[in-house]
Amino acid sequence: MAKRKAVVLQNECVACGTCVKTCPLQTISIYKGMFAEIGSKCVGCGKCASVCPASVIMIEEVQA
């Protein structure tokens, strides 16, 4: 069964924190001030991807 999860293009992330503020599960953090990191609680709702000003967050299907 496939599950959805957010994935960040880390080398293109500007670490603005918009996704952190938007995540309803509070599972996103900014890693060492460099890029957004998606935690294990992500359910792939897509809210972070929809607000990312750099458009570097994708929602992908992953195997559960």
PDB file of N, CA and C in Angstrom:
ATOM      1  N   MET A   1       0.832  -1.182   0.000  1.00  0.00           N
ATOM      2  CA  MET A   1       0.000   0.000   0.000  1.00  0.00           C
ATOM      3  C   MET A   1       0.878   1.247   0.000  1.00  0.00           C
ATOM      4  N   ALA A   2       0.596   2.155  -0.907  1.00  0.00           N
ATOM      5  CA  ALA A   2       1.387   3.381  -1.028  1.00  0.00           C
ATOM      6  C   ALA A   2       0.890   4.439  -0.050  1.00  0.00           C
ATOM      7  N   LYS A   3       1.825   5.238   0.409  1.00  0.00           N
ATOM      8  CA  LYS A   3       1.557   6.318   1.344  1.00  0.00           C
ATOM      9  C   LYS A   3       2.166   7.583   0.752  1.00  0.00           C
ATOM     10  N   ARG A   4       1.598   8.724   1.072  1.00  0.00           N
ATOM     11  CA  ARG A   4       2.142   9.987   0.570  1.00  0.00           C
ATOM     12  C   ARG A   4       3.056  10.623   1.606  1.00  0.00           C
ATOM     13  N   LYS A   5       4.093  11.304   1.104  1.00  0.00           N
ATOM     14  CA  LYS A   5       5.022  12.000   1.985  1.00  0.00           C
ATOM     15  C   LYS A   5       5.644  13.172   1.242  1.00  0.00           C
ATOM     16  N   ALA A   6       5.890  14.248   1.968  1.00  0.00           N
ATOM     17  CA  ALA A   6       6.561  15.415   1.382  1.00  0.00           C
ATOM     18  C   ALA A   6       8.052  15.134   1.277  1.00  0.00           C
ATOM     19  N   VAL A   7       8.647  15.619   0.196  1.00  0.00           N
ATOM     20  CA  VAL A   7      10.079  15.483  -0.039  1.00  0.00           C
ATOM     21  C   VAL A   7      10.614  16.852  -0.430  1.00  0.00           C
ATOM     22  N   VAL A   8      11.743  17.241   0.154  1.00  0.00           N
ATOM     23  CA  VAL A   8      12.342  18.554  -0.105  1.00  0.00           C
ATOM     24  C   VAL A   8      13.569  18.409  -0.993  1.00  0.00           C
ATOM     25  N   LEU A   9      13.676  19.255  -2.011  1.00  0.00           N
ATOM     26  CA  LEU A   9      14.907  19.326  -2.806  1.00  0.00           C
ATOM     27  C   LEU A   9      15.873  20.163  -1.977  1.00  0.00           C
ATOM     28  N   GLN A  10      16.658  19.503  -1.147  1.00  0.00           N
ATOM     29  CA  GLN A  10      17.453  20.178  -0.130  1.00  0.00           C
ATOM     30  C   GLN A  10      18.451  21.186  -0.689  1.00  0.00           C
ATOM     31  N   ASN A  11      19.052  20.889  -1.806  1.00  0.00           N
ATOM     32  CA  ASN A  11      20.045  21.814  -2.358  1.00  0.00           C
ATOM     33  C   ASN A  11      19.425  23.069  -2.957  1.00  0.00           C
ATOM     34  N   GLU A  12      18.086  23.119  -3.060  1.00  0.00           N
ATOM     35  CA  GLU A  12      17.419  24.297  -3.600  1.00  0.00           C
ATOM     36  C   GLU A  12      16.569  25.024  -2.563  1.00  0.00           C
ATOM     37  N   CYS A  13      16.414  24.432  -1.389  1.00  0.00           N
ATOM     38  CA  CYS A  13      15.604  25.014  -0.313  1.00  0.00           C
ATOM     39  C   CYS A  13      16.294  26.268   0.215  1.00  0.00           C
ATOM     40  N   VAL A  14      15.512  27.323   0.471  1.00  0.00           N
ATOM     41  CA  VAL A  14      16.054  28.580   0.985  1.00  0.00           C
ATOM     42  C   VAL A  14      15.881  28.713   2.500  1.00  0.00           C
ATOM     43  N   ALA A  15      15.365  27.684   3.161  1.00  0.00           N
ATOM     44  CA  ALA A  15      15.203  27.645   4.621  1.00  0.00           C
ATOM     45  C   ALA A  15      14.432  28.839   5.168  1.00  0.00           C
ATOM     46  N   CYS A  16      13.371  29.226   4.471  1.00  0.00           N
ATOM     47  CA  CYS A  16      12.587  30.398   4.896  1.00  0.00           C
ATOM     48  C   CYS A  16      11.662  30.096   6.076  1.00  0.00           C
ATOM     49  N   GLY A  17      11.292  28.826   6.264  1.00  0.00           N
ATOM     50  CA  GLY A  17      10.446  28.443   7.380  1.00  0.00           C
ATOM     51  C   GLY A  17       8.959  28.520   7.129  1.00  0.00           C
ATOM     52  N   THR A  18       8.541  28.888   5.928  1.00  0.00           N
ATOM     53  CA  THR A  18       7.114  28.975   5.614  1.00  0.00           C
ATOM     54  C   THR A  18       6.432  27.632   5.792  1.00  0.00           C
ATOM     55  N   CYS A  19       7.074  26.569   5.370  1.00  0.00           N
ATOM     56  CA  CYS A  19       6.499  25.230   5.504  1.00  0.00           C
ATOM     57  C   CYS A  19       6.373  24.821   6.971  1.00  0.00           C
ATOM     58  N   VAL A  20       7.347  25.221   7.778  1.00  0.00           N
ATOM     59  CA  VAL A  20       7.324  24.890   9.209  1.00  0.00           C
ATOM     60  C   VAL A  20       6.078  25.477   9.857  1.00  0.00           C
ATOM     61  N   LYS A  21       5.763  26.728   9.516  1.00  0.00           N
ATOM     62  CA  LYS A  21       4.607  27.417  10.086  1.00  0.00           C
ATOM     63  C   LYS A  21       3.286  26.842   9.581  1.00  0.00           C
ATOM     64  N   THR A  22       3.302  26.232   8.402  1.00  0.00           N
ATOM     65  CA  THR A  22       2.083  25.739   7.764  1.00  0.00           C
ATOM     66  C   THR A  22       1.729  24.308   8.137  1.00  0.00           C
ATOM     67  N   CYS A  23       2.690  23.496   8.476  1.00  0.00           N
ATOM     68  CA  CYS A  23       2.459  22.065   8.720  1.00  0.00           C
ATOM     69  C   CYS A  23       1.521  21.844   9.907  1.00  0.00           C
ATOM     70  N   PRO A  24       0.364  21.218   9.665  1.00  0.00           N
ATOM     71  CA  PRO A  24      -0.582  20.987  10.758  1.00  0.00           C
ATOM     72  C   PRO A  24      -0.102  19.956  11.774  1.00  0.00           C
ATOM     73  N   LEU A  25       0.855  19.115  11.405  1.00  0.00           N
ATOM     74  CA  LEU A  25       1.379  18.101  12.318  1.00  0.00           C
ATOM     75  C   LEU A  25       2.696  18.511  12.972  1.00  0.00           C
ATOM     76  N   GLN A  26       3.183  19.688  12.633  1.00  0.00           N
ATOM     77  CA  GLN A  26       4.447  20.215  13.173  1.00  0.00           C
ATOM     78  C   GLN A  26       5.587  19.217  13.024  1.00  0.00           C
ATOM     79  N   THR A  27       5.691  18.649  11.831  1.00  0.00           N
ATOM     80  CA  THR A  27       6.721  17.638  11.591  1.00  0.00           C
ATOM     81  C   THR A  27       7.853  18.122  10.690  1.00  0.00           C
ATOM     82  N   ILE A  28       7.858  19.426  10.384  1.00  0.00           N
ATOM     83  CA  ILE A  28       8.913  19.989   9.545  1.00  0.00           C
ATOM     84  C   ILE A  28       9.798  20.882  10.406  1.00  0.00           C
ATOM     85  N   SER A  29      11.095  20.789  10.186  1.00  0.00           N
ATOM     86  CA  SER A  29      12.040  21.656  10.887  1.00  0.00           C
ATOM     87  C   SER A  29      13.077  22.153   9.884  1.00  0.00           C
ATOM     88  N   ILE A  30      13.781  23.196  10.268  1.00  0.00           N
ATOM     89  CA  ILE A  30      14.867  23.703   9.432  1.00  0.00           C
ATOM     90  C   ILE A  30      16.158  23.112   9.981  1.00  0.00           C
ATOM     91  N   TYR A  31      16.844  22.332   9.161  1.00  0.00           N
ATOM     92  CA  TYR A  31      18.060  21.630   9.559  1.00  0.00           C
ATOM     93  C   TYR A  31      19.267  22.559   9.478  1.00  0.00           C
ATOM     94  N   LYS A  32      19.840  22.864  10.627  1.00  0.00           N
ATOM     95  CA  LYS A  32      21.053  23.688  10.722  1.00  0.00           C
ATOM     96  C   LYS A  32      20.974  24.976   9.905  1.00  0.00           C
ATOM     97  N   GLY A  33      19.773  25.536   9.788  1.00  0.00           N
ATOM     98  CA  GLY A  33      19.595  26.784   9.055  1.00  0.00           C
ATOM     99  C   GLY A  33      19.808  26.672   7.559  1.00  0.00           C
ATOM    100  N   MET A  34      19.847  25.425   7.052  1.00  0.00           N
ATOM    101  CA  MET A  34      20.190  25.224   5.652  1.00  0.00           C
ATOM    102  C   MET A  34      19.024  24.784   4.780  1.00  0.00           C
ATOM    103  N   PHE A  35      18.164  23.881   5.275  1.00  0.00           N
ATOM    104  CA  PHE A  35      17.055  23.393   4.454  1.00  0.00           C
ATOM    105  C   PHE A  35      15.976  22.789   5.343  1.00  0.00           C
ATOM    106  N   ALA A  36      14.782  22.675   4.790  1.00  0.00           N
ATOM    107  CA  ALA A  36      13.670  22.061   5.512  1.00  0.00           C
ATOM    108  C   ALA A  36      13.863  20.555   5.538  1.00  0.00           C
ATOM    109  N   GLU A  37      13.515  19.963   6.670  1.00  0.00           N
ATOM    110  CA  GLU A  37      13.608  18.520   6.842  1.00  0.00           C
ATOM    111  C   GLU A  37      12.230  18.016   7.271  1.00  0.00           C
ATOM    112  N   ILE A  38      11.718  17.030   6.552  1.00  0.00           N
ATOM    113  CA  ILE A  38      10.391  16.483   6.819  1.00  0.00           C
ATOM    114  C   ILE A  38      10.514  15.330   7.805  1.00  0.00           C
ATOM    115  N   GLY A  39       9.739  15.374   8.882  1.00  0.00           N
ATOM    116  CA  GLY A  39       9.782  14.334   9.906  1.00  0.00           C
ATOM    117  C   GLY A  39       8.915  13.136   9.561  1.00  0.00           C
ATOM    118  N   SER A  40       8.990  12.128  10.393  1.00  0.00           N
ATOM    119  CA  SER A  40       8.299  10.864  10.142  1.00  0.00           C
ATOM    120  C   SER A  40       6.780  10.942  10.290  1.00  0.00           C
ATOM    121  N   LYS A  41       6.258  11.980  10.934  1.00  0.00           N
ATOM    122  CA  LYS A  41       4.812  12.103  11.110  1.00  0.00           C
ATOM    123  C   LYS A  41       4.104  12.625   9.854  1.00  0.00           C
ATOM    124  N   CYS A  42       4.852  12.962   8.806  1.00  0.00           N
ATOM    125  CA  CYS A  42       4.261  13.519   7.578  1.00  0.00           C
ATOM    126  C   CYS A  42       3.242  12.549   6.978  1.00  0.00           C
ATOM    127  N   VAL A  43       2.069  13.086   6.633  1.00  0.00           N
ATOM    128  CA  VAL A  43       1.023  12.283   5.999  1.00  0.00           C
ATOM    129  C   VAL A  43       0.809  12.680   4.536  1.00  0.00           C
ATOM    130  N   GLY A  44       1.628  13.598   4.037  1.00  0.00           N
ATOM    131  CA  GLY A  44       1.533  13.988   2.636  1.00  0.00           C
ATOM    132  C   GLY A  44       0.327  14.833   2.299  1.00  0.00           C
ATOM    133  N   CYS A  45      -0.122  15.671   3.218  1.00  0.00           N
ATOM    134  CA  CYS A  45      -1.320  16.491   2.975  1.00  0.00           C
ATOM    135  C   CYS A  45      -1.097  17.543   1.890  1.00  0.00           C
ATOM    136  N   GLY A  46       0.159  17.962   1.683  1.00  0.00           N
ATOM    137  CA  GLY A  46       0.476  18.898   0.616  1.00  0.00           C
ATOM    138  C   GLY A  46       0.427  20.367   0.988  1.00  0.00           C
ATOM    139  N   LYS A  47       0.084  20.685   2.220  1.00  0.00           N
ATOM    140  CA  LYS A  47       0.004  22.095   2.617  1.00  0.00           C
ATOM    141  C   LYS A  47       1.358  22.783   2.510  1.00  0.00           C
ATOM    142  N   CYS A  48       2.418  22.100   2.900  1.00  0.00           N
ATOM    143  CA  CYS A  48       3.755  22.686   2.822  1.00  0.00           C
ATOM    144  C   CYS A  48       4.148  22.967   1.368  1.00  0.00           C
ATOM    145  N   ALA A  49       3.851  22.020   0.493  1.00  0.00           N
ATOM    146  CA  ALA A  49       4.191  22.181  -0.925  1.00  0.00           C
ATOM    147  C   ALA A  49       3.430  23.346  -1.543  1.00  0.00           C
ATOM    148  N   SER A  50       2.193  23.553  -1.098  1.00  0.00           N
ATOM    149  CA  SER A  50       1.379  24.619  -1.686  1.00  0.00           C
ATOM    150  C   SER A  50       1.832  26.016  -1.279  1.00  0.00           C
ATOM    151  N   VAL A  51       2.549  26.144  -0.160  1.00  0.00           N
ATOM    152  CA  VAL A  51       2.984  27.471   0.290  1.00  0.00           C
ATOM    153  C   VAL A  51       4.474  27.724   0.080  1.00  0.00           C
ATOM    154  N   CYS A  52       5.226  26.735  -0.349  1.00  0.00           N
ATOM    155  CA  CYS A  52       6.671  26.892  -0.521  1.00  0.00           C
ATOM    156  C   CYS A  52       6.982  27.940  -1.593  1.00  0.00           C
ATOM    157  N   PRO A  53       7.612  29.066  -1.208  1.00  0.00           N
ATOM    158  CA  PRO A  53       7.892  30.115  -2.195  1.00  0.00           C
ATOM    159  C   PRO A  53       8.937  29.707  -3.237  1.00  0.00           C
ATOM    160  N   ALA A  54       9.770  28.727  -2.911  1.00  0.00           N
ATOM    161  CA  ALA A  54      10.791  28.266  -3.849  1.00  0.00           C
ATOM    162  C   ALA A  54      10.321  27.068  -4.672  1.00  0.00           C
ATOM    163  N   SER A  55       9.120  26.551  -4.375  1.00  0.00           N
ATOM    164  CA  SER A  55       8.551  25.390  -5.076  1.00  0.00           C
ATOM    165  C   SER A  55       9.492  24.185  -5.074  1.00  0.00           C
ATOM    166  N   VAL A  56      10.068  23.896  -3.909  1.00  0.00           N
ATOM    167  CA  VAL A  56      11.015  22.786  -3.817  1.00  0.00           C
ATOM    168  C   VAL A  56      10.520  21.640  -2.932  1.00  0.00           C
ATOM    169  N   ILE A  57       9.222  21.653  -2.594  1.00  0.00           N
ATOM    170  CA  ILE A  57       8.639  20.557  -1.829  1.00  0.00           C
ATOM    171  C   ILE A  57       7.661  19.817  -2.732  1.00  0.00           C
ATOM    172  N   MET A  58       7.870  18.511  -2.867  1.00  0.00           N
ATOM    173  CA  MET A  58       7.016  17.662  -3.690  1.00  0.00           C
ATOM    174  C   MET A  58       6.330  16.638  -2.799  1.00  0.00           C
ATOM    175  N   ILE A  59       5.160  16.196  -3.223  1.00  0.00           N
ATOM    176  CA  ILE A  59       4.463  15.123  -2.522  1.00  0.00           C
ATOM    177  C   ILE A  59       4.651  13.866  -3.365  1.00  0.00           C
ATOM    178  N   GLU A  60       5.211  12.846  -2.763  1.00  0.00           N
ATOM    179  CA  GLU A  60       5.500  11.610  -3.487  1.00  0.00           C
ATOM    180  C   GLU A  60       4.830  10.425  -2.825  1.00  0.00           C
ATOM    181  N   GLU A  61       4.609   9.389  -3.614  1.00  0.00           N
ATOM    182  CA  GLU A  61       4.097   8.117  -3.104  1.00  0.00           C
ATOM    183  C   GLU A  61       5.282   7.307  -2.616  1.00  0.00           C
ATOM    184  N   VAL A  62       5.167   6.755  -1.413  1.00  0.00           N
ATOM    185  CA  VAL A  62       6.200   5.885  -0.868  1.00  0.00           C
ATOM    186  C   VAL A  62       5.566   4.587  -0.416  1.00  0.00           C
ATOM    187  N   GLN A  63       6.322   3.527  -0.394  1.00  0.00           N
ATOM    188  CA  GLN A  63       5.813   2.247   0.060  1.00  0.00           C
ATOM    189  C   GLN A  63       5.666   2.248   1.573  1.00  0.00           C
ATOM    190  N   ALA A  64       4.519   1.805   2.054  1.00  0.00           N
ATOM    191  CA  ALA A  64       4.280   1.766   3.506  1.00  0.00           C
ATOM    192  C   ALA A  64       4.931   0.576   4.139  1.00  0.00           C
TER     193      ALA A  64
END
